[in-house]
Each structure stands twice: as C-alpha cells, then as structure tokens.
N, C-alpha and C. Protein backbone atom coordinates (compact mmCIF):
# COMPACT_ATOMS: atom_id res chain seq x y z
N MET A 1 -4.89 -14.21 6.67
CA MET A 1 -4.57 -12.91 7.22
C MET A 1 -5.81 -12.01 7.11
N THR A 2 -6.17 -11.37 8.20
CA THR A 2 -7.37 -10.53 8.19
C THR A 2 -7.06 -9.17 7.55
N ARG A 3 -8.12 -8.45 7.22
CA ARG A 3 -7.94 -7.13 6.63
C ARG A 3 -7.20 -6.20 7.60
N ASP A 4 -7.52 -6.30 8.89
CA ASP A 4 -6.84 -5.47 9.88
C ASP A 4 -5.34 -5.76 9.94
N GLU A 5 -4.99 -7.04 9.84
CA GLU A 5 -3.57 -7.42 9.85
C GLU A 5 -2.87 -6.88 8.61
N VAL A 6 -3.55 -6.98 7.47
CA VAL A 6 -2.98 -6.44 6.23
C VAL A 6 -2.81 -4.93 6.35
N PHE A 7 -3.84 -4.24 6.88
CA PHE A 7 -3.76 -2.78 7.04
C PHE A 7 -2.57 -2.40 7.92
N THR A 8 -2.39 -3.10 9.02
CA THR A 8 -1.29 -2.80 9.94
C THR A 8 0.05 -2.92 9.23
N LYS A 9 0.20 -3.98 8.46
CA LYS A 9 1.46 -4.21 7.74
C LYS A 9 1.67 -3.15 6.66
N VAL A 10 0.60 -2.80 5.94
CA VAL A 10 0.69 -1.76 4.91
C VAL A 10 1.05 -0.42 5.56
N ALA A 11 0.44 -0.11 6.68
CA ALA A 11 0.74 1.15 7.40
C ALA A 11 2.21 1.19 7.82
N GLN A 12 2.75 0.05 8.24
CA GLN A 12 4.17 -0.01 8.61
C GLN A 12 5.05 0.26 7.40
N ILE A 13 4.70 -0.34 6.26
CA ILE A 13 5.47 -0.13 5.04
C ILE A 13 5.42 1.33 4.63
N ILE A 14 4.23 1.92 4.68
CA ILE A 14 4.07 3.33 4.33
C ILE A 14 4.87 4.20 5.30
N GLY A 15 4.81 3.86 6.58
CA GLY A 15 5.55 4.63 7.58
C GLY A 15 7.03 4.68 7.29
N SER A 16 7.61 3.55 6.92
CA SER A 16 9.05 3.53 6.64
C SER A 16 9.37 4.08 5.26
N HIS A 17 8.50 3.84 4.29
CA HIS A 17 8.79 4.25 2.92
C HIS A 17 8.58 5.75 2.70
N PHE A 18 7.55 6.30 3.32
CA PHE A 18 7.21 7.71 3.09
C PHE A 18 7.50 8.60 4.30
N ASP A 19 8.15 8.04 5.32
CA ASP A 19 8.53 8.82 6.50
C ASP A 19 7.32 9.54 7.10
N ILE A 20 6.31 8.74 7.44
CA ILE A 20 5.09 9.25 8.06
C ILE A 20 4.77 8.35 9.25
N GLU A 21 4.15 8.90 10.27
CA GLU A 21 3.77 8.09 11.42
C GLU A 21 2.68 7.10 11.02
N GLU A 22 2.85 5.84 11.41
CA GLU A 22 1.87 4.80 11.07
C GLU A 22 0.46 5.18 11.55
N GLN A 23 0.37 5.86 12.69
CA GLN A 23 -0.93 6.23 13.25
C GLN A 23 -1.66 7.23 12.36
N GLU A 24 -0.93 7.94 11.50
CA GLU A 24 -1.54 8.94 10.62
C GLU A 24 -2.14 8.30 9.36
N VAL A 25 -1.82 7.04 9.10
CA VAL A 25 -2.29 6.36 7.90
C VAL A 25 -3.72 5.86 8.12
N THR A 26 -4.61 6.20 7.17
CA THR A 26 -5.99 5.73 7.22
C THR A 26 -6.34 5.07 5.89
N ASP A 27 -7.51 4.45 5.84
CA ASP A 27 -7.99 3.87 4.58
C ASP A 27 -8.10 4.93 3.50
N GLN A 28 -8.41 6.16 3.89
CA GLN A 28 -8.62 7.23 2.93
C GLN A 28 -7.35 7.93 2.49
N THR A 29 -6.22 7.60 3.11
CA THR A 29 -4.97 8.25 2.74
C THR A 29 -4.69 8.00 1.26
N ASN A 30 -4.57 9.09 0.49
CA ASN A 30 -4.29 8.98 -0.94
C ASN A 30 -2.79 8.90 -1.13
N ILE A 31 -2.35 7.85 -1.79
CA ILE A 31 -0.92 7.58 -1.90
C ILE A 31 -0.19 8.70 -2.64
N LYS A 32 -0.74 9.17 -3.74
CA LYS A 32 -0.06 10.22 -4.51
C LYS A 32 -0.23 11.60 -3.88
N ASN A 33 -1.45 11.94 -3.51
CA ASN A 33 -1.72 13.30 -3.02
C ASN A 33 -1.30 13.51 -1.57
N ASP A 34 -1.70 12.62 -0.68
CA ASP A 34 -1.42 12.81 0.75
C ASP A 34 0.03 12.49 1.11
N LEU A 35 0.63 11.55 0.38
CA LEU A 35 2.00 11.15 0.69
C LEU A 35 3.02 11.79 -0.26
N ASN A 36 2.53 12.62 -1.18
CA ASN A 36 3.39 13.28 -2.16
C ASN A 36 4.28 12.30 -2.91
N ALA A 37 3.69 11.18 -3.30
CA ALA A 37 4.46 10.13 -3.98
C ALA A 37 4.49 10.39 -5.48
N ASP A 38 5.69 10.36 -6.04
CA ASP A 38 5.79 10.44 -7.49
C ASP A 38 5.72 9.02 -8.04
N SER A 39 5.80 8.89 -9.35
CA SER A 39 5.62 7.56 -9.96
C SER A 39 6.68 6.57 -9.52
N ILE A 40 7.90 7.02 -9.29
CA ILE A 40 8.95 6.12 -8.83
C ILE A 40 8.68 5.66 -7.41
N SER A 41 8.24 6.57 -6.55
CA SER A 41 7.91 6.20 -5.17
C SER A 41 6.76 5.20 -5.13
N VAL A 42 5.77 5.41 -5.99
CA VAL A 42 4.64 4.49 -6.05
C VAL A 42 5.11 3.12 -6.49
N MET A 43 5.97 3.08 -7.52
CA MET A 43 6.49 1.80 -8.01
C MET A 43 7.28 1.07 -6.91
N GLU A 44 8.11 1.80 -6.19
CA GLU A 44 8.88 1.20 -5.09
C GLU A 44 7.96 0.69 -3.99
N PHE A 45 6.90 1.45 -3.70
CA PHE A 45 5.92 1.05 -2.69
C PHE A 45 5.24 -0.25 -3.11
N VAL A 46 4.83 -0.34 -4.38
CA VAL A 46 4.20 -1.56 -4.89
C VAL A 46 5.16 -2.74 -4.77
N LEU A 47 6.43 -2.53 -5.10
CA LEU A 47 7.42 -3.60 -4.96
C LEU A 47 7.56 -4.04 -3.51
N ASP A 48 7.53 -3.07 -2.59
CA ASP A 48 7.58 -3.39 -1.15
C ASP A 48 6.37 -4.23 -0.74
N LEU A 49 5.20 -3.86 -1.26
CA LEU A 49 3.99 -4.64 -0.96
C LEU A 49 4.10 -6.06 -1.48
N GLU A 50 4.57 -6.19 -2.72
CA GLU A 50 4.71 -7.52 -3.32
C GLU A 50 5.64 -8.39 -2.49
N GLU A 51 6.75 -7.81 -2.07
CA GLU A 51 7.72 -8.56 -1.27
C GLU A 51 7.16 -8.93 0.11
N ALA A 52 6.50 -7.98 0.75
CA ALA A 52 5.99 -8.19 2.10
C ALA A 52 4.88 -9.24 2.14
N PHE A 53 4.06 -9.27 1.09
CA PHE A 53 2.90 -10.17 1.10
C PHE A 53 3.05 -11.36 0.17
N GLY A 54 4.19 -11.45 -0.53
CA GLY A 54 4.42 -12.59 -1.42
C GLY A 54 3.38 -12.69 -2.52
N THR A 55 2.99 -11.54 -3.05
CA THR A 55 1.98 -11.52 -4.11
C THR A 55 2.49 -10.68 -5.27
N GLU A 56 1.86 -10.81 -6.41
CA GLU A 56 2.23 -10.04 -7.59
C GLU A 56 1.11 -9.04 -7.87
N ILE A 57 1.49 -7.79 -8.12
CA ILE A 57 0.52 -6.76 -8.46
C ILE A 57 0.87 -6.27 -9.86
N SER A 58 -0.05 -6.49 -10.80
CA SER A 58 0.23 -6.08 -12.18
C SER A 58 0.31 -4.56 -12.27
N ASP A 59 0.99 -4.07 -13.30
CA ASP A 59 1.10 -2.63 -13.50
C ASP A 59 -0.28 -1.99 -13.65
N GLU A 60 -1.17 -2.70 -14.37
CA GLU A 60 -2.52 -2.18 -14.57
C GLU A 60 -3.26 -2.05 -13.24
N ASP A 61 -3.13 -3.07 -12.40
CA ASP A 61 -3.79 -3.03 -11.09
C ASP A 61 -3.16 -1.95 -10.21
N ALA A 62 -1.84 -1.84 -10.25
CA ALA A 62 -1.15 -0.85 -9.42
C ALA A 62 -1.61 0.56 -9.76
N GLU A 63 -1.87 0.83 -11.05
CA GLU A 63 -2.33 2.16 -11.46
C GLU A 63 -3.71 2.49 -10.89
N GLN A 64 -4.50 1.46 -10.59
CA GLN A 64 -5.85 1.67 -10.07
C GLN A 64 -5.87 1.88 -8.56
N ILE A 65 -4.78 1.56 -7.89
CA ILE A 65 -4.71 1.68 -6.44
C ILE A 65 -4.30 3.10 -6.08
N GLU A 66 -5.28 3.87 -5.59
CA GLU A 66 -5.00 5.27 -5.28
C GLU A 66 -4.95 5.54 -3.78
N THR A 67 -5.64 4.72 -2.99
CA THR A 67 -5.68 4.96 -1.54
C THR A 67 -5.11 3.75 -0.80
N VAL A 68 -4.81 3.98 0.46
CA VAL A 68 -4.33 2.88 1.30
C VAL A 68 -5.40 1.80 1.40
N GLY A 69 -6.65 2.20 1.55
CA GLY A 69 -7.74 1.23 1.64
C GLY A 69 -7.82 0.36 0.40
N ALA A 70 -7.62 0.96 -0.77
CA ALA A 70 -7.65 0.19 -2.02
C ALA A 70 -6.50 -0.81 -2.07
N ALA A 71 -5.34 -0.40 -1.58
CA ALA A 71 -4.19 -1.31 -1.54
C ALA A 71 -4.46 -2.47 -0.59
N VAL A 72 -5.01 -2.17 0.58
CA VAL A 72 -5.33 -3.20 1.56
C VAL A 72 -6.36 -4.17 1.01
N ASP A 73 -7.41 -3.63 0.39
CA ASP A 73 -8.45 -4.49 -0.19
C ASP A 73 -7.86 -5.38 -1.29
N TYR A 74 -7.03 -4.81 -2.14
CA TYR A 74 -6.42 -5.58 -3.22
C TYR A 74 -5.61 -6.75 -2.66
N ILE A 75 -4.76 -6.44 -1.69
CA ILE A 75 -3.91 -7.49 -1.10
C ILE A 75 -4.76 -8.54 -0.41
N THR A 76 -5.73 -8.10 0.38
CA THR A 76 -6.60 -9.03 1.09
C THR A 76 -7.29 -9.99 0.11
N ASN A 77 -7.75 -9.46 -1.02
CA ASN A 77 -8.46 -10.28 -2.01
C ASN A 77 -7.55 -11.16 -2.84
N HIS A 78 -6.24 -10.86 -2.88
CA HIS A 78 -5.34 -11.63 -3.73
C HIS A 78 -4.35 -12.51 -2.96
N LEU A 79 -4.46 -12.54 -1.65
CA LEU A 79 -3.58 -13.44 -0.89
C LEU A 79 -4.03 -14.88 -1.12
N ALA A 80 -3.06 -15.75 -1.28
CA ALA A 80 -3.39 -17.17 -1.53
C ALA A 80 -3.96 -17.82 -0.29
C-alpha cells in the first residue's frame, strides 16, 4: 500500500470520526488541536486505525503521533 493510499484511508477515517470533510485533511492537520480531539477521541481514532490497517499501535507510539502526516508515516512504515 502506497503512502497516498494510506493517507486517503486515514482521511476517510478522520472524516467520519471527527465529522470533518476529507478534503480539509492535510499532512499538517494536528489531531488534538485542529480536530479538537480529547484523549478518548484520540484513543478511539487509534483503535480505528488499528482495525482499518490490521496493525498494532503501542500506547507509547500513539502518544507521539500528533499530526495526520505522522499517523500516515507510522502506518506506512509498520504495514507488513
């Protein structure tokens, strides 16, 4: 799966999870600040990512993911 494909899928998840237009999502979109995500929303988002991509994201790694681009890069680098 290419980075662009991962980005598209992540943008779709963000669009449905945070009620934002997918077209508004960029690599620089900050999950907590731009999407007004609290810790529970972030945790649910990470669970959605894990389910969608069939990967595991540790709590420590999840805490380091602040932007959409960071999430996309993480998933791209950890896909089997």
